[in-house]
Amino acid sequence: MREERRPLADRPLTEPHQSRLSPERPDRARILAAHAAALAAGEAGYPDPATGLFVLTAGFLARRGTCCGRGCRHCPYVDD
């Protein structure tokens, strides 16, 4: 059985929830730039500037329609 679609959080897809990407994080600007570029290009994700690991974009996650519960950095459903 497929999960019910959830509403997106009330913030732009370009702005991750602070619990997932702290405003205090030193490489935040680089991460947000990489995310914005991937969003603009319609890509599913981008390599994390610090680790090289693949990170899914908020756009990709929003198209899935529901939160997977795995703590994604750009989860568009986190609102608390």
Protein backbone atom coordinates (compact mmCIF):
# COMPACT_ATOMS: atom_id res chain seq x y z
CA MET A 1 0.00 0.00 0.00
CA ARG A 2 1.35 3.41 -0.97
CA GLU A 3 1.70 6.19 1.59
CA GLU A 4 -0.58 9.21 1.41
CA ARG A 5 0.92 12.40 -0.09
CA ARG A 6 1.98 14.93 2.53
CA PRO A 7 1.86 18.72 2.24
CA LEU A 8 5.18 20.48 1.83
CA ALA A 9 6.55 22.61 4.66
CA ASP A 10 5.84 26.35 4.45
CA ARG A 11 9.28 27.44 3.18
CA PRO A 12 11.01 27.64 -0.21
CA LEU A 13 12.59 24.44 -1.54
CA THR A 14 15.90 26.30 -1.52
CA GLU A 15 15.84 26.69 2.28
CA PRO A 16 16.41 23.53 4.33
CA HIS A 17 15.01 23.23 7.83
CA GLN A 18 17.55 24.42 10.41
CA SER A 19 17.47 21.01 12.12
CA ARG A 20 18.81 19.47 8.89
CA LEU A 21 21.34 22.18 7.96
CA SER A 22 22.37 24.47 10.77
CA PRO A 23 22.68 28.20 10.03
CA GLU A 24 25.95 27.98 12.01
CA ARG A 25 27.54 25.36 9.76
CA PRO A 26 30.75 26.79 8.23
CA ASP A 27 30.19 25.28 4.77
CA ARG A 28 26.48 26.18 4.61
CA ALA A 29 26.93 28.67 1.74
CA ARG A 30 28.75 26.07 -0.39
CA ILE A 31 26.09 23.47 0.34
CA LEU A 32 23.24 25.87 -0.51
CA ALA A 33 24.99 26.91 -3.74
CA ALA A 34 25.43 23.27 -4.81
CA HIS A 35 21.79 22.55 -3.93
CA ALA A 36 20.52 25.61 -5.82
CA ALA A 37 22.53 24.66 -8.92
CA ALA A 38 21.16 21.10 -8.85
CA LEU A 39 17.60 22.39 -8.36
CA ALA A 40 17.94 24.83 -11.27
CA ALA A 41 19.29 22.06 -13.51
CA GLY A 42 16.47 19.71 -12.52
CA GLU A 43 18.94 17.17 -11.15
CA ALA A 44 18.05 14.65 -8.47
CA GLY A 45 20.96 15.66 -6.27
CA TYR A 46 24.51 16.92 -5.95
CA PRO A 47 27.81 15.81 -4.41
CA ASP A 48 28.24 17.20 -0.90
CA PRO A 49 31.06 19.79 -1.05
CA ALA A 50 32.69 18.42 2.12
CA THR A 51 32.27 14.65 1.80
CA GLY A 52 31.50 13.98 -1.86
CA LEU A 53 28.46 11.91 -0.84
CA PHE A 54 25.37 12.26 -3.05
CA VAL A 55 22.65 14.44 -1.46
CA LEU A 56 19.09 14.52 -2.82
CA THR A 57 17.54 17.89 -3.62
CA ALA A 58 14.33 19.19 -2.09
CA GLY A 59 12.79 19.15 -5.57
CA PHE A 60 13.47 15.45 -6.03
CA LEU A 61 12.18 14.67 -2.55
CA ALA A 62 9.04 16.79 -3.09
CA ARG A 63 8.22 14.88 -6.28
CA ARG A 64 8.27 11.63 -4.25
CA GLY A 65 5.22 12.94 -2.40
CA THR A 66 6.07 11.78 1.10
CA CYS A 67 8.87 11.82 3.67
CA CYS A 68 10.94 8.63 3.82
CA GLY A 69 11.99 9.30 7.43
CA ARG A 70 15.72 8.92 6.75
CA GLY A 71 16.74 12.43 7.81
CA CYS A 72 17.43 13.89 4.37
CA ARG A 73 19.22 17.25 4.50
CA HIS A 74 16.78 18.96 2.14
CA CYS A 75 13.57 17.20 3.19
CA PRO A 76 10.73 19.51 2.08
CA TYR A 77 8.31 17.98 4.58
CA VAL A 78 10.08 18.82 7.86
CA ASP A 79 8.23 21.72 9.47
CA ASP A 80 8.75 21.49 13.23
